[in-house]
Amino acid sequence: MDGGTMWQLTFAICVQVGLLAGFLSHAPATDAEMFPTGQRTSGFGIYYAIAIAAFGGTAGYVFTWIGDARTFGFYAIGLLLIAVATVFFTPETKGKDLTEA
């Protein structure tokens, strides 16, 4: 690799890690507040496992089926937009008693 390519790769990885840290820093608190105390484990765990299996587990198959990296990028962006809409419509629980159902 020449110097420019290595720096571009390093920069891209730094941007990716920065965005990932922005998500992972508050994700546990957000996930815990989505469900009442008595339902947190099953409420979060079951849906998280289904989403990972449905989208993460089939990503390689979908990529092979589509056969084009550019088209797969649009697939990934579509899923990202669904995730953004989900976050947008997630209710605020500040000041709410989470021990109630």
PDB file of N, CA and C in Angstrom:
ATOM      1  N   MET A   1       0.837  -1.184   0.000  1.00  0.00           N
ATOM      2  CA  MET A   1       0.000   0.000   0.000  1.00  0.00           C
ATOM      3  C   MET A   1       0.880   1.245   0.000  1.00  0.00           C
ATOM      4  N   ASP A   2       0.448   2.206  -0.730  1.00  0.00           N
ATOM      5  CA  ASP A   2       1.176   3.468  -0.672  1.00  0.00           C
ATOM      6  C   ASP A   2       0.646   4.307   0.483  1.00  0.00           C
ATOM      7  N   GLY A   3       1.330   5.416   0.803  1.00  0.00           N
ATOM      8  CA  GLY A   3       0.980   6.229   1.967  1.00  0.00           C
ATOM      9  C   GLY A   3      -0.430   6.773   1.933  1.00  0.00           C
ATOM     10  N   GLY A   4      -0.906   7.223   0.743  1.00  0.00           N
ATOM     11  CA  GLY A   4      -2.240   7.798   0.643  1.00  0.00           C
ATOM     12  C   GLY A   4      -3.334   6.790   0.934  1.00  0.00           C
ATOM     13  N   THR A   5      -3.183   5.587   0.439  1.00  0.00           N
ATOM     14  CA  THR A   5      -4.196   4.571   0.645  1.00  0.00           C
ATOM     15  C   THR A   5      -4.267   4.162   2.115  1.00  0.00           C
ATOM     16  N   MET A   6      -3.122   4.055   2.755  1.00  0.00           N
ATOM     17  CA  MET A   6      -3.103   3.682   4.170  1.00  0.00           C
ATOM     18  C   MET A   6      -3.762   4.758   5.032  1.00  0.00           C
ATOM     19  N   TRP A   7      -3.508   6.022   4.720  1.00  0.00           N
ATOM     20  CA  TRP A   7      -4.123   7.103   5.484  1.00  0.00           C
ATOM     21  C   TRP A   7      -5.629   7.172   5.232  1.00  0.00           C
ATOM     22  N   GLN A   8      -6.041   6.893   4.022  1.00  0.00           N
ATOM     23  CA  GLN A   8      -7.476   6.884   3.735  1.00  0.00           C
ATOM     24  C   GLN A   8      -8.171   5.765   4.514  1.00  0.00           C
ATOM     25  N   LEU A   9      -7.533   4.608   4.560  1.00  0.00           N
ATOM     26  CA  LEU A   9      -8.091   3.493   5.321  1.00  0.00           C
ATOM     27  C   LEU A   9      -8.151   3.825   6.815  1.00  0.00           C
ATOM     28  N   THR A  10      -7.087   4.398   7.333  1.00  0.00           N
ATOM     29  CA  THR A  10      -7.044   4.771   8.746  1.00  0.00           C
ATOM     30  C   THR A  10      -8.131   5.792   9.067  1.00  0.00           C
ATOM     31  N   PHE A  11      -8.312   6.775   8.200  1.00  0.00           N
ATOM     32  CA  PHE A  11      -9.338   7.791   8.402  1.00  0.00           C
ATOM     33  C   PHE A  11     -10.733   7.165   8.370  1.00  0.00           C
ATOM     34  N   ALA A  12     -10.971   6.286   7.411  1.00  0.00           N
ATOM     35  CA  ALA A  12     -12.285   5.650   7.296  1.00  0.00           C
ATOM     36  C   ALA A  12     -12.598   4.807   8.534  1.00  0.00           C
ATOM     37  N   ILE A  13     -11.604   4.094   9.040  1.00  0.00           N
ATOM     38  CA  ILE A  13     -11.814   3.284  10.240  1.00  0.00           C
ATOM     39  C   ILE A  13     -12.065   4.175  11.448  1.00  0.00           C
ATOM     40  N   CYS A  14     -11.355   5.287  11.554  1.00  0.00           N
ATOM     41  CA  CYS A  14     -11.573   6.213  12.673  1.00  0.00           C
ATOM     42  C   CYS A  14     -12.984   6.799  12.645  1.00  0.00           C
ATOM     43  N   VAL A  15     -13.476   7.152  11.460  1.00  0.00           N
ATOM     44  CA  VAL A  15     -14.834   7.670  11.339  1.00  0.00           C
ATOM     45  C   VAL A  15     -15.840   6.600  11.742  1.00  0.00           C
ATOM     46  N   GLN A  16     -15.619   5.377  11.267  1.00  0.00           N
ATOM     47  CA  GLN A  16     -16.523   4.278  11.606  1.00  0.00           C
ATOM     48  C   GLN A  16     -16.545   4.019  13.108  1.00  0.00           C
ATOM     49  N   VAL A  17     -15.389   3.993  13.739  1.00  0.00           N
ATOM     50  CA  VAL A  17     -15.316   3.743  15.178  1.00  0.00           C
ATOM     51  C   VAL A  17     -15.965   4.891  15.955  1.00  0.00           C
ATOM     52  N   GLY A  18     -15.798   6.111  15.486  1.00  0.00           N
ATOM     53  CA  GLY A  18     -16.441   7.254  16.138  1.00  0.00           C
ATOM     54  C   GLY A  18     -17.952   7.165  16.067  1.00  0.00           C
ATOM     55  N   LEU A  19     -18.496   6.784  14.916  1.00  0.00           N
ATOM     56  CA  LEU A  19     -19.947   6.624  14.795  1.00  0.00           C
ATOM     57  C   LEU A  19     -20.449   5.461  15.632  1.00  0.00           C
ATOM     58  N   LEU A  20     -19.691   4.395  15.665  1.00  0.00           N
ATOM     59  CA  LEU A  20     -20.073   3.244  16.473  1.00  0.00           C
ATOM     60  C   LEU A  20     -20.069   3.593  17.962  1.00  0.00           C
ATOM     61  N   ALA A  21     -19.086   4.359  18.400  1.00  0.00           N
ATOM     62  CA  ALA A  21     -19.028   4.782  19.801  1.00  0.00           C
ATOM     63  C   ALA A  21     -20.213   5.681  20.152  1.00  0.00           C
ATOM     64  N   GLY A  22     -20.637   6.512  19.218  1.00  0.00           N
ATOM     65  CA  GLY A  22     -21.804   7.358  19.455  1.00  0.00           C
ATOM     66  C   GLY A  22     -23.065   6.548  19.695  1.00  0.00           C
ATOM     67  N   PHE A  23     -23.184   5.415  19.025  1.00  0.00           N
ATOM     68  CA  PHE A  23     -24.338   4.543  19.232  1.00  0.00           C
ATOM     69  C   PHE A  23     -24.188   3.707  20.493  1.00  0.00           C
ATOM     70  N   LEU A  24     -23.036   3.095  20.658  1.00  0.00           N
ATOM     71  CA  LEU A  24     -22.846   2.159  21.759  1.00  0.00           C
ATOM     72  C   LEU A  24     -22.763   2.840  23.120  1.00  0.00           C
ATOM     73  N   SER A  25     -22.529   4.137  23.148  1.00  0.00           N
ATOM     74  CA  SER A  25     -22.415   4.818  24.435  1.00  0.00           C
ATOM     75  C   SER A  25     -23.761   4.938  25.153  1.00  0.00           C
ATOM     76  N   HIS A  26     -24.830   5.041  24.435  1.00  0.00           N
ATOM     77  CA  HIS A  26     -26.144   5.189  25.078  1.00  0.00           C
ATOM     78  C   HIS A  26     -27.086   4.029  24.800  1.00  0.00           C
ATOM     79  N   ALA A  27     -26.700   3.080  23.993  1.00  0.00           N
ATOM     80  CA  ALA A  27     -27.589   1.974  23.623  1.00  0.00           C
ATOM     81  C   ALA A  27     -28.069   1.147  24.819  1.00  0.00           C
ATOM     82  N   PRO A  28     -27.219   0.777  25.777  1.00  0.00           N
ATOM     83  CA  PRO A  28     -27.726  -0.018  26.901  1.00  0.00           C
ATOM     84  C   PRO A  28     -28.802   0.704  27.719  1.00  0.00           C
ATOM     85  N   ALA A  29     -28.620   1.986  27.955  1.00  0.00           N
ATOM     86  CA  ALA A  29     -29.627   2.737  28.713  1.00  0.00           C
ATOM     87  C   ALA A  29     -30.923   2.868  27.923  1.00  0.00           C
ATOM     88  N   THR A  30     -30.806   3.130  26.638  1.00  0.00           N
ATOM     89  CA  THR A  30     -32.000   3.250  25.802  1.00  0.00           C
ATOM     90  C   THR A  30     -32.746   1.930  25.730  1.00  0.00           C
ATOM     91  N   ASP A  31     -32.006   0.842  25.559  1.00  0.00           N
ATOM     92  CA  ASP A  31     -32.639  -0.472  25.486  1.00  0.00           C
ATOM     93  C   ASP A  31     -33.334  -0.826  26.796  1.00  0.00           C
ATOM     94  N   ALA A  32     -32.724  -0.493  27.913  1.00  0.00           N
ATOM     95  CA  ALA A  32     -33.319  -0.802  29.208  1.00  0.00           C
ATOM     96  C   ALA A  32     -34.586   0.004  29.453  1.00  0.00           C
ATOM     97  N   GLU A  33     -34.651   1.218  28.957  1.00  0.00           N
ATOM     98  CA  GLU A  33     -35.807   2.077  29.204  1.00  0.00           C
ATOM     99  C   GLU A  33     -36.967   1.822  28.252  1.00  0.00           C
ATOM    100  N   MET A  34     -36.775   0.986  27.271  1.00  0.00           N
ATOM    101  CA  MET A  34     -37.851   0.719  26.320  1.00  0.00           C
ATOM    102  C   MET A  34     -38.944  -0.169  26.909  1.00  0.00           C
ATOM    103  N   PHE A  35     -38.619  -0.900  27.968  1.00  0.00           N
ATOM    104  CA  PHE A  35     -39.560  -1.854  28.537  1.00  0.00           C
ATOM    105  C   PHE A  35     -39.667  -1.648  30.042  1.00  0.00           C
ATOM    106  N   PRO A  36     -40.817  -1.983  30.624  1.00  0.00           N
ATOM    107  CA  PRO A  36     -40.940  -1.946  32.088  1.00  0.00           C
ATOM    108  C   PRO A  36     -39.964  -2.938  32.727  1.00  0.00           C
ATOM    109  N   THR A  37     -39.681  -2.753  33.990  1.00  0.00           N
ATOM    110  CA  THR A  37     -38.671  -3.546  34.676  1.00  0.00           C
ATOM    111  C   THR A  37     -38.926  -5.045  34.575  1.00  0.00           C
ATOM    112  N   GLY A  38     -40.141  -5.482  34.723  1.00  0.00           N
ATOM    113  CA  GLY A  38     -40.452  -6.901  34.699  1.00  0.00           C
ATOM    114  C   GLY A  38     -40.375  -7.546  33.328  1.00  0.00           C
ATOM    115  N   GLN A  39     -40.290  -6.757  32.279  1.00  0.00           N
ATOM    116  CA  GLN A  39     -40.293  -7.295  30.922  1.00  0.00           C
ATOM    117  C   GLN A  39     -39.006  -7.028  30.167  1.00  0.00           C
ATOM    118  N   ARG A  40     -37.998  -6.469  30.795  1.00  0.00           N
ATOM    119  CA  ARG A  40     -36.803  -6.043  30.072  1.00  0.00           C
ATOM    120  C   ARG A  40     -36.060  -7.185  29.397  1.00  0.00           C
ATOM    121  N   THR A  41     -35.859  -8.273  30.113  1.00  0.00           N
ATOM    122  CA  THR A  41     -35.071  -9.358  29.550  1.00  0.00           C
ATOM    123  C   THR A  41     -35.746  -9.963  28.331  1.00  0.00           C
ATOM    124  N   SER A  42     -36.991 -10.359  28.475  1.00  0.00           N
ATOM    125  CA  SER A  42     -37.675 -10.971  27.337  1.00  0.00           C
ATOM    126  C   SER A  42     -38.065  -9.926  26.298  1.00  0.00           C
ATOM    127  N   GLY A  43     -38.465  -8.768  26.741  1.00  0.00           N
ATOM    128  CA  GLY A  43     -38.878  -7.725  25.809  1.00  0.00           C
ATOM    129  C   GLY A  43     -37.765  -7.259  24.907  1.00  0.00           C
ATOM    130  N   PHE A  44     -36.580  -7.145  25.440  1.00  0.00           N
ATOM    131  CA  PHE A  44     -35.453  -6.719  24.618  1.00  0.00           C
ATOM    132  C   PHE A  44     -34.784  -7.899  23.937  1.00  0.00           C
ATOM    133  N   GLY A  45     -34.559  -8.980  24.673  1.00  0.00           N
ATOM    134  CA  GLY A  45     -33.785 -10.101  24.152  1.00  0.00           C
ATOM    135  C   GLY A  45     -34.423 -10.809  22.979  1.00  0.00           C
ATOM    136  N   ILE A  46     -35.714 -11.065  23.054  1.00  0.00           N
ATOM    137  CA  ILE A  46     -36.390 -11.801  21.989  1.00  0.00           C
ATOM    138  C   ILE A  46     -36.410 -10.990  20.700  1.00  0.00           C
ATOM    139  N   TYR A  47     -36.784  -9.739  20.770  1.00  0.00           N
ATOM    140  CA  TYR A  47     -36.852  -8.922  19.554  1.00  0.00           C
ATOM    141  C   TYR A  47     -35.478  -8.628  18.986  1.00  0.00           C
ATOM    142  N   TYR A  48     -34.504  -8.460  19.852  1.00  0.00           N
ATOM    143  CA  TYR A  48     -33.131  -8.232  19.387  1.00  0.00           C
ATOM    144  C   TYR A  48     -32.616  -9.470  18.655  1.00  0.00           C
ATOM    145  N   ALA A  49     -32.860 -10.647  19.202  1.00  0.00           N
ATOM    146  CA  ALA A  49     -32.413 -11.882  18.565  1.00  0.00           C
ATOM    147  C   ALA A  49     -33.099 -12.086  17.214  1.00  0.00           C
ATOM    148  N   ILE A  50     -34.377 -11.780  17.137  1.00  0.00           N
ATOM    149  CA  ILE A  50     -35.100 -11.921  15.867  1.00  0.00           C
ATOM    150  C   ILE A  50     -34.542 -10.955  14.830  1.00  0.00           C
ATOM    151  N   ALA A  51     -34.289  -9.707  15.232  1.00  0.00           N
ATOM    152  CA  ALA A  51     -33.758  -8.726  14.288  1.00  0.00           C
ATOM    153  C   ALA A  51     -32.359  -9.103  13.802  1.00  0.00           C
ATOM    154  N   ILE A  52     -31.520  -9.568  14.712  1.00  0.00           N
ATOM    155  CA  ILE A  52     -30.168  -9.976  14.305  1.00  0.00           C
ATOM    156  C   ILE A  52     -30.231 -11.169  13.360  1.00  0.00           C
ATOM    157  N   ALA A  53     -31.093 -12.136  13.652  1.00  0.00           N
ATOM    158  CA  ALA A  53     -31.216 -13.303  12.783  1.00  0.00           C
ATOM    159  C   ALA A  53     -31.798 -12.928  11.421  1.00  0.00           C
ATOM    160  N   ALA A  54     -32.804 -12.065  11.432  1.00  0.00           N
ATOM    161  CA  ALA A  54     -33.475 -11.719  10.177  1.00  0.00           C
ATOM    162  C   ALA A  54     -32.619 -10.842   9.274  1.00  0.00           C
ATOM    163  N   PHE A  55     -31.918  -9.866   9.846  1.00  0.00           N
ATOM    164  CA  PHE A  55     -31.185  -8.929   9.005  1.00  0.00           C
ATOM    165  C   PHE A  55     -29.683  -9.203   8.988  1.00  0.00           C
ATOM    166  N   GLY A  56     -29.103  -9.435  10.143  1.00  0.00           N
ATOM    167  CA  GLY A  56     -27.665  -9.724  10.184  1.00  0.00           C
ATOM    168  C   GLY A  56     -27.345 -11.118   9.698  1.00  0.00           C
ATOM    169  N   GLY A  57     -28.180 -12.076  10.069  1.00  0.00           N
ATOM    170  CA  GLY A  57     -27.931 -13.456   9.672  1.00  0.00           C
ATOM    171  C   GLY A  57     -28.158 -13.719   8.205  1.00  0.00           C
ATOM    172  N   THR A  58     -28.984 -12.925   7.562  1.00  0.00           N
ATOM    173  CA  THR A  58     -29.252 -13.124   6.144  1.00  0.00           C
ATOM    174  C   THR A  58     -28.505 -12.148   5.246  1.00  0.00           C
ATOM    175  N   ALA A  59     -27.676 -11.290   5.815  1.00  0.00           N
ATOM    176  CA  ALA A  59     -26.995 -10.275   5.012  1.00  0.00           C
ATOM    177  C   ALA A  59     -26.091 -10.903   3.952  1.00  0.00           C
ATOM    178  N   GLY A  60     -25.352 -11.939   4.324  1.00  0.00           N
ATOM    179  CA  GLY A  60     -24.487 -12.599   3.345  1.00  0.00           C
ATOM    180  C   GLY A  60     -25.277 -13.231   2.218  1.00  0.00           C
ATOM    181  N   TYR A  61     -26.401 -13.857   2.556  1.00  0.00           N
ATOM    182  CA  TYR A  61     -27.257 -14.463   1.538  1.00  0.00           C
ATOM    183  C   TYR A  61     -27.842 -13.390   0.621  1.00  0.00           C
ATOM    184  N   VAL A  62     -28.334 -12.305   1.200  1.00  0.00           N
ATOM    185  CA  VAL A  62     -28.921 -11.226   0.401  1.00  0.00           C
ATOM    186  C   VAL A  62     -27.859 -10.617  -0.515  1.00  0.00           C
ATOM    187  N   PHE A  63     -26.658 -10.427   0.001  1.00  0.00           N
ATOM    188  CA  PHE A  63     -25.582  -9.872  -0.818  1.00  0.00           C
ATOM    189  C   PHE A  63     -25.268 -10.810  -1.986  1.00  0.00           C
ATOM    190  N   THR A  64     -25.224 -12.103  -1.732  1.00  0.00           N
ATOM    191  CA  THR A  64     -24.965 -13.071  -2.797  1.00  0.00           C
ATOM    192  C   THR A  64     -26.113 -13.081  -3.800  1.00  0.00           C
ATOM    193  N   TRP A  65     -27.337 -12.985  -3.311  1.00  0.00           N
ATOM    194  CA  TRP A  65     -28.507 -12.986  -4.184  1.00  0.00           C
ATOM    195  C   TRP A  65     -28.552 -11.741  -5.066  1.00  0.00           C
ATOM    196  N   ILE A  66     -28.258 -10.589  -4.473  1.00  0.00           N
ATOM    197  CA  ILE A  66     -28.254  -9.344  -5.239  1.00  0.00           C
ATOM    198  C   ILE A  66     -27.083  -9.340  -6.209  1.00  0.00           C
ATOM    199  N   GLY A  67     -25.917  -9.738  -5.718  1.00  0.00           N
ATOM    200  CA  GLY A  67     -24.753  -9.876  -6.584  1.00  0.00           C
ATOM    201  C   GLY A  67     -24.067  -8.582  -6.969  1.00  0.00           C
ATOM    202  N   ASP A  68     -24.432  -7.481  -6.362  1.00  0.00           N
ATOM    203  CA  ASP A  68     -23.828  -6.193  -6.708  1.00  0.00           C
ATOM    204  C   ASP A  68     -23.663  -5.378  -5.428  1.00  0.00           C
ATOM    205  N   ALA A  69     -22.449  -4.931  -5.186  1.00  0.00           N
ATOM    206  CA  ALA A  69     -22.178  -4.181  -3.958  1.00  0.00           C
ATOM    207  C   ALA A  69     -22.957  -2.873  -3.908  1.00  0.00           C
ATOM    208  N   ARG A  70     -23.136  -2.213  -5.030  1.00  0.00           N
ATOM    209  CA  ARG A  70     -23.858  -0.936  -5.039  1.00  0.00           C
ATOM    210  C   ARG A  70     -25.333  -1.145  -4.682  1.00  0.00           C
ATOM    211  N   THR A  71     -25.950  -2.169  -5.240  1.00  0.00           N
ATOM    212  CA  THR A  71     -27.345  -2.457  -4.928  1.00  0.00           C
ATOM    213  C   THR A  71     -27.499  -2.884  -3.467  1.00  0.00           C
ATOM    214  N   PHE A  72     -26.554  -3.667  -2.965  1.00  0.00           N
ATOM    215  CA  PHE A  72     -26.596  -4.064  -1.561  1.00  0.00           C
ATOM    216  C   PHE A  72     -26.465  -2.841  -0.661  1.00  0.00           C
ATOM    217  N   GLY A  73     -25.714  -1.845  -1.089  1.00  0.00           N
ATOM    218  CA  GLY A  73     -25.609  -0.603  -0.327  1.00  0.00           C
ATOM    219  C   GLY A  73     -26.965   0.072  -0.169  1.00  0.00           C
ATOM    220  N   PHE A  74     -27.768   0.056  -1.230  1.00  0.00           N
ATOM    221  CA  PHE A  74     -29.120   0.623  -1.136  1.00  0.00           C
ATOM    222  C   PHE A  74     -29.999  -0.197  -0.191  1.00  0.00           C
ATOM    223  N   TYR A  75     -29.803  -1.504  -0.187  1.00  0.00           N
ATOM    224  CA  TYR A  75     -30.516  -2.380   0.756  1.00  0.00           C
ATOM    225  C   TYR A  75     -30.145  -2.002   2.191  1.00  0.00           C
ATOM    226  N   ALA A  76     -28.853  -1.836   2.429  1.00  0.00           N
ATOM    227  CA  ALA A  76     -28.389  -1.472   3.772  1.00  0.00           C
ATOM    228  C   ALA A  76     -28.889  -0.084   4.172  1.00  0.00           C
ATOM    229  N   ILE A  77     -28.901   0.853   3.245  1.00  0.00           N
ATOM    230  CA  ILE A  77     -29.401   2.197   3.530  1.00  0.00           C
ATOM    231  C   ILE A  77     -30.893   2.155   3.839  1.00  0.00           C
ATOM    232  N   GLY A  78     -31.637   1.317   3.136  1.00  0.00           N
ATOM    233  CA  GLY A  78     -33.061   1.158   3.413  1.00  0.00           C
ATOM    234  C   GLY A  78     -33.301   0.658   4.833  1.00  0.00           C
ATOM    235  N   LEU A  79     -32.512  -0.328   5.254  1.00  0.00           N
ATOM    236  CA  LEU A  79     -32.632  -0.823   6.622  1.00  0.00           C
ATOM    237  C   LEU A  79     -32.225   0.252   7.631  1.00  0.00           C
ATOM    238  N   LEU A  80     -31.231   1.053   7.285  1.00  0.00           N
ATOM    239  CA  LEU A  80     -30.818   2.150   8.155  1.00  0.00           C
ATOM    240  C   LEU A  80     -31.936   3.169   8.321  1.00  0.00           C
ATOM    241  N   LEU A  81     -32.635   3.471   7.244  1.00  0.00           N
ATOM    242  CA  LEU A  81     -33.750   4.422   7.332  1.00  0.00           C
ATOM    243  C   LEU A  81     -34.882   3.873   8.203  1.00  0.00           C
ATOM    244  N   ILE A  82     -35.117   2.565   8.143  1.00  0.00           N
ATOM    245  CA  ILE A  82     -36.105   1.952   9.024  1.00  0.00           C
ATOM    246  C   ILE A  82     -35.662   2.095  10.482  1.00  0.00           C
ATOM    247  N   ALA A  83     -34.377   1.903  10.736  1.00  0.00           N
ATOM    248  CA  ALA A  83     -33.855   2.052  12.100  1.00  0.00           C
ATOM    249  C   ALA A  83     -33.983   3.489  12.589  1.00  0.00           C
ATOM    250  N   VAL A  84     -33.701   4.453  11.713  1.00  0.00           N
ATOM    251  CA  VAL A  84     -33.825   5.865  12.092  1.00  0.00           C
ATOM    252  C   VAL A  84     -35.279   6.194  12.415  1.00  0.00           C
ATOM    253  N   ALA A  85     -36.216   5.689  11.628  1.00  0.00           N
ATOM    254  CA  ALA A  85     -37.636   5.928  11.902  1.00  0.00           C
ATOM    255  C   ALA A  85     -38.040   5.311  13.238  1.00  0.00           C
ATOM    256  N   THR A  86     -37.494   4.138  13.536  1.00  0.00           N
ATOM    257  CA  THR A  86     -37.796   3.493  14.813  1.00  0.00           C
ATOM    258  C   THR A  86     -37.303   4.332  15.975  1.00  0.00           C
ATOM    259  N   VAL A  87     -36.086   4.837  15.876  1.00  0.00           N
ATOM    260  CA  VAL A  87     -35.531   5.676  16.938  1.00  0.00           C
ATOM    261  C   VAL A  87     -36.340   6.970  17.069  1.00  0.00           C
ATOM    262  N   PHE A  88     -36.760   7.522  15.965  1.00  0.00           N
ATOM    263  CA  PHE A  88     -37.532   8.772  15.987  1.00  0.00           C
ATOM    264  C   PHE A  88     -38.859   8.600  16.723  1.00  0.00           C
ATOM    265  N   PHE A  89     -39.496   7.455  16.560  1.00  0.00           N
ATOM    266  CA  PHE A  89     -40.800   7.232  17.174  1.00  0.00           C
ATOM    267  C   PHE A  89     -40.725   6.529  18.526  1.00  0.00           C
ATOM    268  N   THR A  90     -39.533   6.291  19.044  1.00  0.00           N
ATOM    269  CA  THR A  90     -39.395   5.693  20.370  1.00  0.00           C
ATOM    270  C   THR A  90     -39.797   6.735  21.416  1.00  0.00           C
ATOM    271  N   PRO A  91     -40.715   6.396  22.311  1.00  0.00           N
ATOM    272  CA  PRO A  91     -41.198   7.393  23.278  1.00  0.00           C
ATOM    273  C   PRO A  91     -40.134   7.749  24.314  1.00  0.00           C
ATOM    274  N   GLU A  92     -40.184   8.973  24.776  1.00  0.00           N
ATOM    275  CA  GLU A  92     -39.283   9.453  25.825  1.00  0.00           C
ATOM    276  C   GLU A  92     -39.769   8.938  27.168  1.00  0.00           C
ATOM    277  N   THR A  93     -38.858   8.423  27.988  1.00  0.00           N
ATOM    278  CA  THR A  93     -39.234   7.873  29.299  1.00  0.00           C
ATOM    279  C   THR A  93     -38.616   8.657  30.448  1.00  0.00           C
ATOM    280  N   LYS A  94     -38.127   9.847  30.180  1.00  0.00           N
ATOM    281  CA  LYS A  94     -37.534  10.657  31.243  1.00  0.00           C
ATOM    282  C   LYS A  94     -38.598  11.008  32.279  1.00  0.00           C
ATOM    283  N   GLY A  95     -38.294  10.710  33.532  1.00  0.00           N
ATOM    284  CA  GLY A  95     -39.201  11.031  34.617  1.00  0.00           C
ATOM    285  C   GLY A  95     -40.361  10.042  34.772  1.00  0.00           C
ATOM    286  N   LYS A  96     -40.423   9.018  33.952  1.00  0.00           N
ATOM    287  CA  LYS A  96     -41.501   8.036  34.023  1.00  0.00           C
ATOM    288  C   LYS A  96     -41.059   6.868  34.904  1.00  0.00           C
ATOM    289  N   ASP A  97     -41.959   6.391  35.741  1.00  0.00           N
ATOM    290  CA  ASP A  97     -41.662   5.249  36.596  1.00  0.00           C
ATOM    291  C   ASP A  97     -41.641   3.978  35.746  1.00  0.00           C
ATOM    292  N   LEU A  98     -40.493   3.371  35.621  1.00  0.00           N
ATOM    293  CA  LEU A  98     -40.345   2.215  34.741  1.00  0.00           C
ATOM    294  C   LEU A  98     -40.682   0.895  35.441  1.00  0.00           C
ATOM    295  N   THR A  99     -41.056   0.934  36.696  1.00  0.00           N
ATOM    296  CA  THR A  99     -41.432  -0.296  37.389  1.00  0.00           C
ATOM    297  C   THR A  99     -42.881  -0.684  37.086  1.00  0.00           C
ATOM    298  N   GLU A 100     -43.657   0.232  36.535  1.00  0.00           N
ATOM    299  CA  GLU A 100     -45.045  -0.052  36.174  1.00  0.00           C
ATOM    300  C   GLU A 100     -45.109  -0.664  34.786  1.00  0.00           C
ATOM    301  N   ALA A 101     -46.141  -1.410  34.537  1.00  0.00           N
ATOM    302  CA  ALA A 101     -46.318  -2.022  33.212  1.00  0.00           C
ATOM    303  C   ALA A 101     -46.907  -1.016  32.246  1.00  0.00           C
TER     304      ALA A 101
END
